[in-house]
All heavy atoms as atom14 arrays in JSON, in Angstrom:
{
  "sequence": "NGTVARGCCEIEKGYLKDIIERKKINSDGKYTEDGETWIQLP",
  "atom14_mask": [
    [1, 1, 1, 1, 1, 1, 1, 1, 0, 0, 0, 0, 0, 0],
    [1, 1, 1, 1, 0, 0, 0, 0, 0, 0, 0, 0, 0, 0],
    [1, 1, 1, 1, 1, 1, 1, 0, 0, 0, 0, 0, 0, 0],
    [1, 1, 1, 1, 1, 1, 1, 0, 0, 0, 0, 0, 0, 0],
    [1, 1, 1, 1, 1, 0, 0, 0, 0, 0, 0, 0, 0, 0],
    [1, 1, 1, 1, 1, 1, 1, 1, 1, 1, 1, 0, 0, 0],
    [1, 1, 1, 1, 0, 0, 0, 0, 0, 0, 0, 0, 0, 0],
    [1, 1, 1, 1, 1, 1, 0, 0, 0, 0, 0, 0, 0, 0],
    [1, 1, 1, 1, 1, 1, 0, 0, 0, 0, 0, 0, 0, 0],
    [1, 1, 1, 1, 1, 1, 1, 1, 1, 0, 0, 0, 0, 0],
    [1, 1, 1, 1, 1, 1, 1, 1, 0, 0, 0, 0, 0, 0],
    [1, 1, 1, 1, 1, 1, 1, 1, 1, 0, 0, 0, 0, 0],
    [1, 1, 1, 1, 1, 1, 1, 1, 1, 0, 0, 0, 0, 0],
    [1, 1, 1, 1, 0, 0, 0, 0, 0, 0, 0, 0, 0, 0],
    [1, 1, 1, 1, 1, 1, 1, 1, 1, 1, 1, 1, 0, 0],
    [1, 1, 1, 1, 1, 1, 1, 1, 0, 0, 0, 0, 0, 0],
    [1, 1, 1, 1, 1, 1, 1, 1, 1, 0, 0, 0, 0, 0],
    [1, 1, 1, 1, 1, 1, 1, 1, 0, 0, 0, 0, 0, 0],
    [1, 1, 1, 1, 1, 1, 1, 1, 0, 0, 0, 0, 0, 0],
    [1, 1, 1, 1, 1, 1, 1, 1, 0, 0, 0, 0, 0, 0],
    [1, 1, 1, 1, 1, 1, 1, 1, 1, 0, 0, 0, 0, 0],
    [1, 1, 1, 1, 1, 1, 1, 1, 1, 1, 1, 0, 0, 0],
    [1, 1, 1, 1, 1, 1, 1, 1, 1, 0, 0, 0, 0, 0],
    [1, 1, 1, 1, 1, 1, 1, 1, 1, 0, 0, 0, 0, 0],
    [1, 1, 1, 1, 1, 1, 1, 1, 0, 0, 0, 0, 0, 0],
    [1, 1, 1, 1, 1, 1, 1, 1, 0, 0, 0, 0, 0, 0],
    [1, 1, 1, 1, 1, 1, 0, 0, 0, 0, 0, 0, 0, 0],
    [1, 1, 1, 1, 1, 1, 1, 1, 0, 0, 0, 0, 0, 0],
    [1, 1, 1, 1, 0, 0, 0, 0, 0, 0, 0, 0, 0, 0],
    [1, 1, 1, 1, 1, 1, 1, 1, 1, 0, 0, 0, 0, 0],
    [1, 1, 1, 1, 1, 1, 1, 1, 1, 1, 1, 1, 0, 0],
    [1, 1, 1, 1, 1, 1, 1, 0, 0, 0, 0, 0, 0, 0],
    [1, 1, 1, 1, 1, 1, 1, 1, 1, 0, 0, 0, 0, 0],
    [1, 1, 1, 1, 1, 1, 1, 1, 0, 0, 0, 0, 0, 0],
    [1, 1, 1, 1, 0, 0, 0, 0, 0, 0, 0, 0, 0, 0],
    [1, 1, 1, 1, 1, 1, 1, 1, 1, 0, 0, 0, 0, 0],
    [1, 1, 1, 1, 1, 1, 1, 0, 0, 0, 0, 0, 0, 0],
    [1, 1, 1, 1, 1, 1, 1, 1, 1, 1, 1, 1, 1, 1],
    [1, 1, 1, 1, 1, 1, 1, 1, 0, 0, 0, 0, 0, 0],
    [1, 1, 1, 1, 1, 1, 1, 1, 1, 0, 0, 0, 0, 0],
    [1, 1, 1, 1, 1, 1, 1, 1, 0, 0, 0, 0, 0, 0],
    [1, 1, 1, 1, 1, 1, 1, 0, 0, 0, 0, 0, 0, 0]
  ],
  "atom14_positions": [
    [[-10.25, 7.93, 9.39], [-11.16, 8.81, 8.8], [-11.28, 8.83, 7.28], [-11.98, 9.57, 6.66], [-10.91, 10.26, 9.3], [-11.02, 10.4, 10.78], [-12.07, 10.1, 11.33], [-9.94, 10.8, 11.46], [0.0, 0.0, 0.0], [0.0, 0.0, 0.0], [0.0, 0.0, 0.0], [0.0, 0.0, 0.0], [0.0, 0.0, 0.0], [0.0, 0.0, 0.0]],
    [[-10.52, 7.86, 6.69], [-10.56, 7.78, 5.24], [-9.37, 7.1, 4.71], [-8.44, 6.66, 5.46], [0.0, 0.0, 0.0], [0.0, 0.0, 0.0], [0.0, 0.0, 0.0], [0.0, 0.0, 0.0], [0.0, 0.0, 0.0], [0.0, 0.0, 0.0], [0.0, 0.0, 0.0], [0.0, 0.0, 0.0], [0.0, 0.0, 0.0], [0.0, 0.0, 0.0]],
    [[-9.26, 6.87, 3.39], [-8.16, 6.22, 2.78], [-6.97, 7.21, 2.69], [-7.08, 8.35, 2.65], [-8.51, 5.67, 1.4], [-8.88, 6.76, 0.56], [-9.64, 4.65, 1.5], [0.0, 0.0, 0.0], [0.0, 0.0, 0.0], [0.0, 0.0, 0.0], [0.0, 0.0, 0.0], [0.0, 0.0, 0.0], [0.0, 0.0, 0.0], [0.0, 0.0, 0.0]],
    [[-5.78, 6.54, 2.58], [-4.54, 7.31, 2.46], [-3.7, 6.68, 1.31], [-3.9, 5.54, 0.93], [-3.72, 7.3, 3.75], [-4.47, 7.98, 4.83], [-3.33, 5.88, 4.2], [0.0, 0.0, 0.0], [0.0, 0.0, 0.0], [0.0, 0.0, 0.0], [0.0, 0.0, 0.0], [0.0, 0.0, 0.0], [0.0, 0.0, 0.0], [0.0, 0.0, 0.0]],
    [[-2.75, 7.48, 0.8], [-1.83, 6.96, -0.2], [-0.45, 6.78, 0.52], [-0.02, 7.65, 1.26], [-1.66, 7.96, -1.32], [0.0, 0.0, 0.0], [0.0, 0.0, 0.0], [0.0, 0.0, 0.0], [0.0, 0.0, 0.0], [0.0, 0.0, 0.0], [0.0, 0.0, 0.0], [0.0, 0.0, 0.0], [0.0, 0.0, 0.0], [0.0, 0.0, 0.0]],
    [[0.2, 5.64, 0.21], [1.45, 5.36, 0.81], [2.4, 4.72, -0.22], [1.99, 3.96, -1.01], [1.31, 4.41, 2.01], [0.51, 4.99, 3.18], [1.23, 6.04, 3.92], [0.53, 6.59, 5.03], [-0.15, 7.78, 5.02], [-0.14, 8.5, 3.93], [-0.75, 8.23, 6.11], [0.0, 0.0, 0.0], [0.0, 0.0, 0.0], [0.0, 0.0, 0.0]],
    [[3.67, 5.06, -0.12], [4.73, 4.42, -0.91], [5.16, 3.16, -0.22], [5.92, 3.27, 0.77], [0.0, 0.0, 0.0], [0.0, 0.0, 0.0], [0.0, 0.0, 0.0], [0.0, 0.0, 0.0], [0.0, 0.0, 0.0], [0.0, 0.0, 0.0], [0.0, 0.0, 0.0], [0.0, 0.0, 0.0], [0.0, 0.0, 0.0], [0.0, 0.0, 0.0]],
    [[4.77, 2.03, -0.72], [5.12, 0.71, -0.06], [6.47, 0.29, -0.56], [6.74, 0.19, -1.75], [4.07, -0.29, -0.41], [2.39, 0.08, 0.25], [0.0, 0.0, 0.0], [0.0, 0.0, 0.0], [0.0, 0.0, 0.0], [0.0, 0.0, 0.0], [0.0, 0.0, 0.0], [0.0, 0.0, 0.0], [0.0, 0.0, 0.0], [0.0, 0.0, 0.0]],
    [[7.39, -0.01, 0.39], [8.78, -0.25, 0.07], [9.2, -1.71, 0.13], [8.74, -2.43, 1.06], [9.64, 0.54, 1.06], [9.35, 2.32, 1.13], [0.0, 0.0, 0.0], [0.0, 0.0, 0.0], [0.0, 0.0, 0.0], [0.0, 0.0, 0.0], [0.0, 0.0, 0.0], [0.0, 0.0, 0.0], [0.0, 0.0, 0.0], [0.0, 0.0, 0.0]],
    [[9.96, -2.1, -0.85], [10.64, -3.41, -0.78], [12.09, -3.14, -0.36], [12.78, -2.4, -1.1], [10.56, -4.11, -2.15], [11.21, -5.53, -2.1], [11.15, -6.19, -3.43], [10.5, -5.69, -4.34], [11.86, -7.19, -3.57], [0.0, 0.0, 0.0], [0.0, 0.0, 0.0], [0.0, 0.0, 0.0], [0.0, 0.0, 0.0], [0.0, 0.0, 0.0]],
    [[12.5, -3.7, 0.72], [13.82, -3.41, 1.27], [14.63, -4.7, 1.26], [14.15, -5.73, 1.65], [13.71, -2.84, 2.67], [12.9, -1.52, 2.66], [15.05, -2.61, 3.24], [12.51, -1.03, 3.98], [0.0, 0.0, 0.0], [0.0, 0.0, 0.0], [0.0, 0.0, 0.0], [0.0, 0.0, 0.0], [0.0, 0.0, 0.0], [0.0, 0.0, 0.0]],
    [[15.89, -4.58, 0.78], [16.75, -5.82, 0.69], [18.08, -5.44, 1.33], [18.76, -4.53, 0.9], [16.94, -6.23, -0.77], [17.68, -7.51, -0.93], [17.73, -7.9, -2.44], [18.65, -7.48, -3.1], [16.81, -8.63, -2.86], [0.0, 0.0, 0.0], [0.0, 0.0, 0.0], [0.0, 0.0, 0.0], [0.0, 0.0, 0.0], [0.0, 0.0, 0.0]],
    [[18.46, -6.19, 2.41], [19.68, -5.95, 3.15], [19.89, -4.53, 3.52], [20.99, -4.01, 3.47], [20.84, -6.45, 2.25], [20.83, -7.93, 1.93], [22.03, -8.37, 1.13], [21.97, -9.86, 0.8], [23.1, -10.34, 0.0], [0.0, 0.0, 0.0], [0.0, 0.0, 0.0], [0.0, 0.0, 0.0], [0.0, 0.0, 0.0], [0.0, 0.0, 0.0]],
    [[18.78, -3.87, 3.96], [18.88, -2.57, 4.51], [18.82, -1.45, 3.51], [18.9, -0.27, 3.83], [0.0, 0.0, 0.0], [0.0, 0.0, 0.0], [0.0, 0.0, 0.0], [0.0, 0.0, 0.0], [0.0, 0.0, 0.0], [0.0, 0.0, 0.0], [0.0, 0.0, 0.0], [0.0, 0.0, 0.0], [0.0, 0.0, 0.0], [0.0, 0.0, 0.0]],
    [[18.61, -1.83, 2.19], [18.56, -0.81, 1.17], [17.26, -0.85, 0.38], [16.72, -1.94, 0.17], [19.71, -0.96, 0.16], [21.03, -0.51, 0.72], [21.79, -1.35, 1.58], [21.52, 0.81, 0.54], [23.02, -0.95, 2.06], [22.69, 1.24, 1.07], [23.44, 0.34, 1.9], [24.64, 0.79, 2.43], [0.0, 0.0, 0.0], [0.0, 0.0, 0.0]],
    [[16.77, 0.24, -0.03], [15.49, 0.32, -0.8], [15.71, -0.32, -2.14], [16.62, 0.05, -2.89], [15.08, 1.8, -0.98], [13.75, 2.01, -1.66], [12.58, 1.44, -0.88], [13.55, 3.53, -1.94], [0.0, 0.0, 0.0], [0.0, 0.0, 0.0], [0.0, 0.0, 0.0], [0.0, 0.0, 0.0], [0.0, 0.0, 0.0], [0.0, 0.0, 0.0]],
    [[14.82, -1.27, -2.48], [14.94, -1.96, -3.75], [13.82, -1.48, -4.68], [14.04, -1.36, -5.91], [14.84, -3.5, -3.56], [14.94, -4.29, -4.84], [14.88, -5.79, -4.57], [15.0, -6.6, -5.85], [14.92, -8.04, -5.59], [0.0, 0.0, 0.0], [0.0, 0.0, 0.0], [0.0, 0.0, 0.0], [0.0, 0.0, 0.0], [0.0, 0.0, 0.0]],
    [[12.65, -1.25, -4.13], [11.52, -0.85, -4.96], [10.49, -0.05, -4.08], [10.45, -0.28, -2.87], [10.8, -2.08, -5.53], [9.92, -1.77, -6.77], [9.92, -0.57, -7.2], [9.33, -2.66, -7.32], [0.0, 0.0, 0.0], [0.0, 0.0, 0.0], [0.0, 0.0, 0.0], [0.0, 0.0, 0.0], [0.0, 0.0, 0.0], [0.0, 0.0, 0.0]],
    [[9.78, 0.82, -4.68], [8.74, 1.56, -3.96], [7.51, 1.69, -4.9], [7.58, 2.11, -6.0], [9.25, 2.94, -3.52], [8.22, 3.68, -2.73], [9.75, 3.75, -4.67], [8.76, 4.87, -1.97], [0.0, 0.0, 0.0], [0.0, 0.0, 0.0], [0.0, 0.0, 0.0], [0.0, 0.0, 0.0], [0.0, 0.0, 0.0], [0.0, 0.0, 0.0]],
    [[6.36, 1.21, -4.36], [5.13, 1.19, -5.19], [4.07, 2.08, -4.48], [3.79, 1.84, -3.28], [4.58, -0.24, -5.37], [5.7, -1.13, -6.06], [3.27, -0.28, -6.15], [5.31, -2.62, -6.09], [0.0, 0.0, 0.0], [0.0, 0.0, 0.0], [0.0, 0.0, 0.0], [0.0, 0.0, 0.0], [0.0, 0.0, 0.0], [0.0, 0.0, 0.0]],
    [[3.54, 2.99, -5.21], [2.48, 3.86, -4.62], [1.17, 3.21, -4.58], [0.62, 2.74, -5.66], [2.42, 5.17, -5.49], [1.4, 6.21, -4.98], [2.0, 7.07, -3.82], [3.19, 6.85, -3.44], [1.23, 7.9, -3.32], [0.0, 0.0, 0.0], [0.0, 0.0, 0.0], [0.0, 0.0, 0.0], [0.0, 0.0, 0.0], [0.0, 0.0, 0.0]],
    [[0.6, 3.04, -3.41], [-0.77, 2.53, -3.23], [-1.66, 3.73, -2.81], [-1.41, 4.31, -1.75], [-0.84, 1.42, -2.19], [0.13, 0.19, -2.44], [-0.31, -0.52, -3.69], [0.49, -1.73, -3.84], [0.53, -2.43, -4.99], [-0.14, -2.04, -6.04], [1.31, -3.56, -5.03], [0.0, 0.0, 0.0], [0.0, 0.0, 0.0], [0.0, 0.0, 0.0]],
    [[-2.62, 4.03, -3.62], [-3.28, 5.31, -3.45], [-4.52, 5.26, -2.49], [-4.94, 6.3, -2.04], [-3.69, 5.94, -4.79], [-2.48, 6.32, -5.66], [-2.89, 7.01, -6.92], [-1.62, 7.46, -7.72], [-2.01, 8.15, -8.99], [0.0, 0.0, 0.0], [0.0, 0.0, 0.0], [0.0, 0.0, 0.0], [0.0, 0.0, 0.0], [0.0, 0.0, 0.0]],
    [[-5.07, 4.11, -2.37], [-6.26, 4.04, -1.48], [-6.11, 2.89, -0.53], [-6.45, 1.75, -0.79], [-7.51, 3.85, -2.38], [-7.93, 5.03, -3.17], [-9.25, 4.86, -3.89], [-9.67, 6.11, -4.66], [-10.95, 5.96, -5.33], [0.0, 0.0, 0.0], [0.0, 0.0, 0.0], [0.0, 0.0, 0.0], [0.0, 0.0, 0.0], [0.0, 0.0, 0.0]],
    [[-5.58, 3.22, 0.64], [-5.41, 2.25, 1.72], [-6.34, 2.64, 2.88], [-6.24, 3.78, 3.41], [-3.96, 2.17, 2.22], [-3.02, 1.98, 1.08], [-3.75, 1.05, 3.26], [-1.53, 2.05, 1.48], [0.0, 0.0, 0.0], [0.0, 0.0, 0.0], [0.0, 0.0, 0.0], [0.0, 0.0, 0.0], [0.0, 0.0, 0.0], [0.0, 0.0, 0.0]],
    [[-7.17, 1.65, 3.33], [-8.11, 2.04, 4.39], [-7.51, 1.77, 5.78], [-6.34, 1.38, 5.94], [-9.43, 1.32, 4.21], [-9.34, -0.19, 4.39], [-8.37, -0.73, 4.93], [-10.29, -0.95, 3.89], [0.0, 0.0, 0.0], [0.0, 0.0, 0.0], [0.0, 0.0, 0.0], [0.0, 0.0, 0.0], [0.0, 0.0, 0.0], [0.0, 0.0, 0.0]],
    [[-8.27, 2.01, 6.82], [-7.72, 1.89, 8.2], [-7.4, 0.46, 8.6], [-6.73, 0.23, 9.6], [-8.78, 2.43, 9.17], [-10.01, 1.73, 9.09], [0.0, 0.0, 0.0], [0.0, 0.0, 0.0], [0.0, 0.0, 0.0], [0.0, 0.0, 0.0], [0.0, 0.0, 0.0], [0.0, 0.0, 0.0], [0.0, 0.0, 0.0], [0.0, 0.0, 0.0]],
    [[-7.87, -0.53, 7.79], [-7.51, -1.9, 8.09], [-6.3, -2.38, 7.32], [-5.89, -3.55, 7.41], [-8.71, -2.82, 7.65], [-9.92, -2.59, 8.53], [-9.73, -2.3, 9.73], [-11.07, -2.73, 8.02], [0.0, 0.0, 0.0], [0.0, 0.0, 0.0], [0.0, 0.0, 0.0], [0.0, 0.0, 0.0], [0.0, 0.0, 0.0], [0.0, 0.0, 0.0]],
    [[-5.68, -1.47, 6.58], [-4.5, -1.86, 5.82], [-4.76, -2.55, 4.47], [-3.95, -3.16, 3.89], [0.0, 0.0, 0.0], [0.0, 0.0, 0.0], [0.0, 0.0, 0.0], [0.0, 0.0, 0.0], [0.0, 0.0, 0.0], [0.0, 0.0, 0.0], [0.0, 0.0, 0.0], [0.0, 0.0, 0.0], [0.0, 0.0, 0.0], [0.0, 0.0, 0.0]],
    [[-5.99, -2.38, 4.02], [-6.43, -3.0, 2.71], [-6.37, -1.82, 1.69], [-6.82, -0.73, 1.95], [-7.77, -3.57, 2.8], [-7.84, -4.8, 3.72], [-9.25, -5.34, 3.76], [-9.36, -6.53, 4.74], [-10.76, -7.06, 4.88], [0.0, 0.0, 0.0], [0.0, 0.0, 0.0], [0.0, 0.0, 0.0], [0.0, 0.0, 0.0], [0.0, 0.0, 0.0]],
    [[-5.97, -2.15, 0.43], [-5.94, -1.18, -0.59], [-6.76, -1.68, -1.83], [-6.97, -2.87, -1.97], [-4.53, -0.85, -1.05], [-3.82, -1.87, -1.9], [-3.87, -1.81, -3.3], [-3.11, -2.95, -1.31], [-3.27, -2.76, -4.04], [-2.52, -3.85, -2.07], [-2.56, -3.8, -3.5], [-1.96, -4.75, -4.27], [0.0, 0.0, 0.0], [0.0, 0.0, 0.0]],
    [[-7.18, -0.7, -2.59], [-7.92, -1.02, -3.84], [-7.35, -0.18, -4.95], [-6.99, 0.9, -4.77], [-9.42, -0.79, -3.67], [-10.1, -1.21, -4.89], [-9.75, 0.67, -3.36], [0.0, 0.0, 0.0], [0.0, 0.0, 0.0], [0.0, 0.0, 0.0], [0.0, 0.0, 0.0], [0.0, 0.0, 0.0], [0.0, 0.0, 0.0], [0.0, 0.0, 0.0]],
    [[-7.37, -0.74, -6.14], [-6.98, -0.1, -7.36], [-8.17, 0.2, -8.3], [-8.13, 1.11, -9.12], [-5.92, -0.83, -8.09], [-4.57, -0.94, -7.32], [-3.51, -1.7, -8.1], [-3.85, -2.37, -9.07], [-2.32, -1.6, -7.7], [0.0, 0.0, 0.0], [0.0, 0.0, 0.0], [0.0, 0.0, 0.0], [0.0, 0.0, 0.0], [0.0, 0.0, 0.0]],
    [[-9.26, -0.6, -8.09], [-10.37, -0.48, -8.96], [-11.61, -0.03, -8.2], [-12.71, 0.18, -8.8], [-10.7, -1.76, -9.69], [-10.97, -2.95, -8.71], [-11.16, -2.72, -7.53], [-11.02, -4.1, -9.15], [0.0, 0.0, 0.0], [0.0, 0.0, 0.0], [0.0, 0.0, 0.0], [0.0, 0.0, 0.0], [0.0, 0.0, 0.0], [0.0, 0.0, 0.0]],
    [[-11.52, 0.19, -6.91], [-12.63, 0.63, -6.07], [-13.55, -0.47, -5.66], [-14.48, -0.26, -4.88], [0.0, 0.0, 0.0], [0.0, 0.0, 0.0], [0.0, 0.0, 0.0], [0.0, 0.0, 0.0], [0.0, 0.0, 0.0], [0.0, 0.0, 0.0], [0.0, 0.0, 0.0], [0.0, 0.0, 0.0], [0.0, 0.0, 0.0], [0.0, 0.0, 0.0]],
    [[-13.27, -1.68, -6.08], [-14.16, -2.85, -5.69], [-13.39, -3.96, -4.97], [-13.89, -4.46, -3.97], [-14.81, -3.43, -7.02], [-15.72, -2.37, -7.76], [-16.33, -2.99, -8.93], [-16.06, -4.21, -9.27], [-17.07, -2.23, -9.69], [0.0, 0.0, 0.0], [0.0, 0.0, 0.0], [0.0, 0.0, 0.0], [0.0, 0.0, 0.0], [0.0, 0.0, 0.0]],
    [[-12.26, -4.32, -5.47], [-11.45, -5.41, -4.94], [-10.48, -4.83, -3.9], [-9.7, -3.97, -4.25], [-10.71, -6.19, -5.96], [-11.66, -6.69, -6.94], [-9.99, -7.39, -5.37], [0.0, 0.0, 0.0], [0.0, 0.0, 0.0], [0.0, 0.0, 0.0], [0.0, 0.0, 0.0], [0.0, 0.0, 0.0], [0.0, 0.0, 0.0], [0.0, 0.0, 0.0]],
    [[-10.5, -5.34, -2.65], [-9.61, -4.84, -1.6], [-8.63, -5.95, -1.3], [-8.95, -7.12, -1.11], [-10.39, -4.48, -0.36], [-11.24, -3.26, -0.6], [-12.52, -3.21, -1.13], [-10.86, -1.91, -0.34], [-12.97, -1.86, -1.24], [-11.97, -1.09, -0.7], [-9.76, -1.27, 0.27], [-11.96, 0.27, -0.6], [-9.73, 0.1, 0.4], [-10.81, 0.88, -0.02]],
    [[-7.27, -5.54, -1.24], [-6.21, -6.44, -0.98], [-5.5, -6.09, 0.24], [-5.16, -4.95, 0.5], [-5.21, -6.43, -2.19], [-5.92, -6.75, -3.51], [-4.07, -7.38, -1.94], [-5.05, -6.44, -4.71], [0.0, 0.0, 0.0], [0.0, 0.0, 0.0], [0.0, 0.0, 0.0], [0.0, 0.0, 0.0], [0.0, 0.0, 0.0], [0.0, 0.0, 0.0]],
    [[-5.31, -7.1, 1.14], [-4.75, -6.84, 2.47], [-3.2, -6.73, 2.39], [-2.53, -7.58, 1.75], [-5.08, -7.99, 3.39], [-4.51, -7.82, 4.83], [-5.22, -6.71, 5.56], [-6.41, -6.73, 5.73], [-4.44, -5.7, 6.03], [0.0, 0.0, 0.0], [0.0, 0.0, 0.0], [0.0, 0.0, 0.0], [0.0, 0.0, 0.0], [0.0, 0.0, 0.0]],
    [[-2.72, -5.69, 2.96], [-1.25, -5.47, 3.09], [-0.83, -5.9, 4.46], [-1.59, -5.64, 5.47], [-0.9, -4.04, 2.88], [-1.0, -3.47, 1.45], [-0.88, -1.91, 1.44], [0.13, -4.03, 0.57], [0.0, 0.0, 0.0], [0.0, 0.0, 0.0], [0.0, 0.0, 0.0], [0.0, 0.0, 0.0], [0.0, 0.0, 0.0], [0.0, 0.0, 0.0]],
    [[0.34, -6.48, 4.65], [0.84, -6.77, 6.01], [0.92, -5.49, 6.86], [1.29, -4.44, 6.31], [2.2, -7.39, 5.75], [2.14, -7.96, 4.38], [1.26, -7.0, 3.6], [0.0, 0.0, 0.0], [0.0, 0.0, 0.0], [0.0, 0.0, 0.0], [0.0, 0.0, 0.0], [0.0, 0.0, 0.0], [0.0, 0.0, 0.0], [0.0, 0.0, 0.0]]
  ]
}
C-alpha cells in the first residue's frame, strides 16, 4: 500500500556491522533516494 522505511543491516559473523536507513522502499524491494532512480535490494 505504499513505501516504507527500513534499517538495512550488514551482518558479519552474526554481529551487526552497519545499519543504513532506506526511507522509501516499495513493495518490490526497490528503494529511491531522489524520487526518480529506483535501486533493487535483495
